[in-house]
Amino acid sequence: MSFAKKILSLTAVIGCLTIPSIASAQTDGTIIPAKKALTPKDTLLLISSDSITPKGVKRDWSTWRPSPKRALWLSLVLPGAGQIYNRKYWKLPIVYGGFVGCIYALQWNNMMYKDYSQAYMDIMDDDPNTQSYNQFLHLGSKIDDSNKAYYQKVFKSRKDRYRRWRDMSVFAMIGVYALSVIDAYVDASLSEFDISKDLSLKIEPAVLNNKESRNPLNSSAIGLQCSLNF
């Protein structure tokens, strides 16, 4: 190679290293300007623009998958928020219906417990002016010394019963809250579970070994093997 050709080659290499954009030539001799080299700032802008959904373009919710952790925390903060996040709106009446039912049972049992507690305290004392227990008696019934012990036992039993039901209502409300949190987390986790529509049952002959004998001829039998692909 001559000295002039070496100088030209070295000049071309230096030009490629220093010039940010180089024109390319086609076979017919036309010159096509090359694209400008991307700087780190341009690359960052390109990545951020690709990650943002353009305005006017609707998001494809068929490919949307909820986050189990986010659904869990939303349900812990506000009951039913996890179901809204998972887009399972039909579960909201079940969740809030359970809470309303538990709150109603709690208030009713607490009211009956207070009434029977007051009636029991009135029937146990000797003050004739405290007779709130008469509101629980049937029409024409009256408490005297002959049946006083019986009604004392009845009022005490009902007082304890409504107190127990009131406490059970509180635990039932906690259970509804826990179930709503678990449902939101499990529902979000199962959203990524792939269920194929192609269900196939394959039946083929197989050799079954019951391992009752060391002799393979005595411990083996021929049967059918079923396999379900899903």
Protein backbone atom coordinates (compact mmCIF):
# COMPACT_ATOMS: atom_id res chain seq x y z
CA MET A 1 0.00 0.00 0.00
CA SER A 2 1.33 3.40 -0.97
CA PHE A 3 1.92 6.24 1.46
CA ALA A 4 -0.97 8.31 -0.01
CA LYS A 5 -3.48 5.47 0.47
CA LYS A 6 -2.39 5.09 4.12
CA ILE A 7 -2.97 8.80 4.71
CA LEU A 8 -6.45 8.59 3.19
CA SER A 9 -7.39 5.55 5.30
CA LEU A 10 -6.18 7.26 8.50
CA THR A 11 -8.16 10.39 7.62
CA ALA A 12 -11.34 8.36 7.08
CA VAL A 13 -10.97 6.65 10.46
CA ILE A 14 -10.42 9.96 12.26
CA GLY A 15 -13.44 11.41 10.51
CA CYS A 16 -15.65 8.55 11.68
CA LEU A 17 -14.53 9.14 15.25
CA THR A 18 -15.01 12.90 15.28
CA ILE A 19 -17.95 13.62 12.98
CA PRO A 20 -21.29 12.81 14.76
CA SER A 21 -23.10 11.89 11.53
CA ILE A 22 -21.72 10.43 8.28
CA ALA A 23 -23.46 10.33 4.92
CA SER A 24 -23.89 6.96 3.22
CA ALA A 25 -23.81 6.36 -0.53
CA GLN A 26 -26.01 4.02 -2.50
CA THR A 27 -24.92 2.00 -5.51
CA ASP A 28 -26.37 4.54 -7.95
CA GLY A 29 -24.23 7.29 -6.49
CA THR A 30 -26.95 9.20 -4.57
CA ILE A 31 -26.00 10.36 -1.11
CA ILE A 32 -28.35 9.64 1.83
CA PRO A 33 -27.58 11.55 5.00
CA ALA A 34 -27.21 9.28 7.99
CA LYS A 35 -29.13 9.72 11.19
CA LYS A 36 -27.63 11.82 13.89
CA ALA A 37 -25.88 9.89 16.63
CA LEU A 38 -27.93 9.56 19.83
CA THR A 39 -26.58 11.21 22.93
CA PRO A 40 -27.36 9.87 26.45
CA LYS A 41 -29.95 12.64 26.84
CA ASP A 42 -31.68 11.66 23.58
CA THR A 43 -31.72 7.99 24.66
CA LEU A 44 -33.36 8.89 27.98
CA LEU A 45 -36.01 10.95 26.22
CA LEU A 46 -36.68 8.13 23.77
CA ILE A 47 -37.13 5.56 26.54
CA SER A 48 -39.41 7.83 28.57
CA SER A 49 -41.54 8.66 25.55
CA ASP A 50 -42.01 4.97 24.74
CA SER A 51 -43.10 4.17 28.30
CA ILE A 52 -45.83 6.82 28.33
CA THR A 53 -49.15 6.05 26.69
CA PRO A 54 -49.87 8.74 24.04
CA LYS A 55 -52.86 10.96 24.56
CA GLY A 56 -55.99 9.82 22.80
CA VAL A 57 -54.88 6.16 22.77
CA LYS A 58 -56.93 3.93 25.06
CA ARG A 59 -55.13 1.46 27.28
CA ASP A 60 -55.56 -2.22 26.48
CA TRP A 61 -57.14 -3.50 29.69
CA SER A 62 -57.08 -7.09 28.41
CA THR A 63 -53.33 -7.16 29.10
CA TRP A 64 -53.62 -5.36 32.47
CA ARG A 65 -52.58 -7.39 35.51
CA PRO A 66 -53.18 -6.15 39.08
CA SER A 67 -50.44 -6.19 41.68
CA PRO A 68 -51.17 -8.54 44.63
CA LYS A 69 -49.29 -6.35 47.11
CA ARG A 70 -51.17 -3.22 46.08
CA ALA A 71 -54.50 -5.04 46.28
CA LEU A 72 -53.55 -6.28 49.76
CA TRP A 73 -52.67 -2.84 51.11
CA LEU A 74 -55.73 -1.21 49.58
CA SER A 75 -57.99 -3.78 51.24
CA LEU A 76 -56.26 -3.28 54.57
CA VAL A 77 -56.75 0.48 54.43
CA LEU A 78 -60.32 0.46 53.05
CA PRO A 79 -62.49 -2.68 52.81
CA GLY A 80 -63.60 -3.21 49.23
CA ALA A 81 -60.84 -1.06 47.74
CA GLY A 82 -58.93 -4.18 46.72
CA GLN A 83 -61.95 -5.51 44.84
CA ILE A 84 -62.29 -2.16 43.05
CA TYR A 85 -58.59 -2.26 42.15
CA ASN A 86 -59.00 -5.81 40.79
CA ARG A 87 -62.00 -4.58 38.75
CA LYS A 88 -64.31 -7.10 40.47
CA TYR A 89 -67.12 -4.69 41.21
CA TRP A 90 -69.71 -7.44 41.64
CA LYS A 91 -68.03 -8.42 44.91
CA LEU A 92 -68.68 -5.04 46.55
CA PRO A 93 -72.32 -5.82 47.52
CA ILE A 94 -71.12 -9.04 49.14
CA VAL A 95 -68.38 -7.31 51.15
CA TYR A 96 -70.43 -4.34 52.28
CA GLY A 97 -73.52 -6.51 52.76
CA GLY A 98 -71.53 -8.63 55.19
CA PHE A 99 -70.43 -5.54 57.11
CA VAL A 100 -73.97 -4.14 57.25
CA GLY A 101 -75.34 -7.46 58.48
CA CYS A 102 -72.69 -7.75 61.18
CA ILE A 103 -73.24 -4.16 62.34
CA TYR A 104 -77.01 -4.72 62.53
CA ALA A 105 -76.56 -7.95 64.50
CA LEU A 106 -74.11 -6.21 66.84
CA GLN A 107 -76.50 -3.35 67.60
CA TRP A 108 -79.51 -5.61 68.03
CA ASN A 109 -77.79 -8.08 70.35
CA ASN A 110 -76.23 -5.27 72.36
CA MET A 111 -79.64 -3.63 72.84
CA MET A 112 -81.25 -6.90 73.94
CA TYR A 113 -78.34 -7.62 76.27
CA LYS A 114 -78.76 -4.24 78.00
CA ASP A 115 -82.53 -4.72 78.37
CA TYR A 116 -82.25 -8.20 79.84
CA SER A 117 -79.37 -7.14 82.06
CA GLN A 118 -81.50 -4.36 83.52
CA ALA A 119 -84.45 -6.74 83.92
CA TYR A 120 -82.26 -9.28 85.68
CA MET A 121 -80.89 -6.64 88.07
CA ASP A 122 -84.43 -5.42 88.80
CA ILE A 123 -85.77 -8.88 89.55
CA MET A 124 -82.83 -9.66 91.80
CA ASP A 125 -83.27 -6.63 94.07
CA ASP A 126 -86.05 -6.02 96.60
CA ASP A 127 -87.07 -2.59 95.33
CA PRO A 128 -90.74 -2.70 94.13
CA ASN A 129 -90.22 0.47 92.06
CA THR A 130 -87.78 -1.27 89.66
CA GLN A 131 -89.87 -3.56 87.52
CA SER A 132 -88.49 -3.20 84.01
CA TYR A 133 -88.81 -6.96 83.60
CA ASN A 134 -92.59 -6.61 83.16
CA GLN A 135 -92.11 -5.62 79.50
CA PHE A 136 -90.85 -9.15 78.77
CA LEU A 137 -93.83 -10.90 80.37
CA HIS A 138 -96.76 -12.26 78.40
CA LEU A 139 -100.11 -10.51 78.65
CA GLY A 140 -101.74 -11.43 81.98
CA SER A 141 -98.56 -12.93 83.47
CA LYS A 142 -97.26 -11.72 86.80
CA ILE A 143 -94.17 -12.46 88.82
CA ASP A 144 -94.67 -13.52 92.42
CA ASP A 145 -92.81 -15.58 94.97
CA SER A 146 -93.94 -18.83 93.34
CA ASN A 147 -92.32 -18.17 89.96
CA LYS A 148 -89.71 -15.54 90.81
CA ALA A 149 -86.83 -18.04 90.85
CA TYR A 150 -87.87 -19.33 87.41
CA TYR A 151 -87.89 -15.86 85.86
CA GLN A 152 -84.57 -15.02 87.48
CA LYS A 153 -83.08 -18.02 85.74
CA VAL A 154 -84.74 -17.10 82.44
CA PHE A 155 -83.51 -13.49 82.47
CA LYS A 156 -79.99 -14.53 83.40
CA SER A 157 -79.90 -17.10 80.60
CA ARG A 158 -81.14 -14.61 78.00
CA LYS A 159 -78.74 -11.94 79.23
CA ASP A 160 -75.79 -14.27 78.80
CA ARG A 161 -77.08 -15.47 75.43
CA TYR A 162 -77.35 -11.99 73.92
CA ARG A 163 -73.97 -11.04 75.31
CA ARG A 164 -72.47 -14.09 73.63
CA TRP A 165 -74.19 -13.28 70.34
CA ARG A 166 -72.98 -9.67 70.57
CA ASP A 167 -69.39 -10.84 70.95
CA MET A 168 -69.85 -13.27 68.06
CA SER A 169 -71.05 -10.40 65.89
CA VAL A 170 -67.78 -8.58 66.52
CA PHE A 171 -65.76 -11.65 65.52
CA ALA A 172 -67.95 -12.11 62.45
CA MET A 173 -67.20 -8.53 61.38
CA ILE A 174 -63.47 -9.17 61.80
CA GLY A 175 -63.90 -12.33 59.73
CA VAL A 176 -65.61 -10.44 56.90
CA TYR A 177 -62.79 -7.90 56.93
CA ALA A 178 -60.13 -10.64 56.82
CA LEU A 179 -61.94 -12.48 54.01
CA SER A 180 -62.15 -9.30 51.93
CA VAL A 181 -58.39 -8.79 52.30
CA ILE A 182 -57.59 -12.43 51.46
CA ASP A 183 -59.97 -12.38 48.48
CA ALA A 184 -58.36 -9.24 47.04
CA TYR A 185 -54.84 -10.67 47.39
CA VAL A 186 -55.70 -14.12 45.99
CA ASP A 187 -57.75 -12.64 43.14
CA ALA A 188 -54.86 -10.40 42.11
CA SER A 189 -52.42 -13.32 42.33
CA LEU A 190 -54.60 -15.58 40.19
CA SER A 191 -54.95 -12.92 37.50
CA GLU A 192 -51.59 -14.09 36.11
CA PHE A 193 -52.63 -17.76 36.18
CA ASP A 194 -52.80 -18.98 32.61
CA ILE A 195 -55.69 -21.36 31.91
CA SER A 196 -55.59 -22.88 28.47
CA LYS A 197 -58.83 -23.51 26.59
CA ASP A 198 -57.39 -26.71 25.09
CA LEU A 199 -58.36 -29.49 27.51
CA SER A 200 -57.46 -32.92 26.23
CA LEU A 201 -57.77 -36.39 27.79
CA LYS A 202 -55.24 -38.94 26.67
CA ILE A 203 -55.68 -42.66 27.36
CA GLU A 204 -52.80 -45.04 26.70
CA PRO A 205 -51.69 -48.49 27.88
CA ALA A 206 -49.27 -48.63 30.77
CA VAL A 207 -47.48 -51.15 32.97
CA LEU A 208 -48.53 -50.82 36.63
CA ASN A 209 -46.18 -51.98 39.38
CA ASN A 210 -47.58 -52.60 42.87
CA LYS A 211 -44.12 -53.40 44.37
CA GLU A 212 -45.48 -56.34 46.35
CA SER A 213 -42.88 -58.76 45.01
CA ARG A 214 -39.29 -58.50 43.84
CA ASN A 215 -40.19 -60.48 40.76
CA PRO A 216 -41.30 -57.93 38.14
CA LEU A 217 -43.53 -60.53 36.48
CA ASN A 218 -45.55 -61.05 39.68
CA SER A 219 -45.72 -57.41 40.77
CA SER A 220 -46.58 -55.90 37.39
CA ALA A 221 -49.87 -55.63 35.57
CA ILE A 222 -51.04 -54.12 32.34
CA GLY A 223 -53.62 -51.35 32.54
CA LEU A 224 -54.71 -48.02 31.10
CA GLN A 225 -53.21 -44.65 32.00
CA CYS A 226 -55.22 -41.46 31.71
CA SER A 227 -53.59 -38.05 31.44
CA LEU A 228 -55.41 -34.72 31.38
CA ASN A 229 -53.64 -31.76 29.79
CA PHE A 230 -54.78 -28.28 30.76
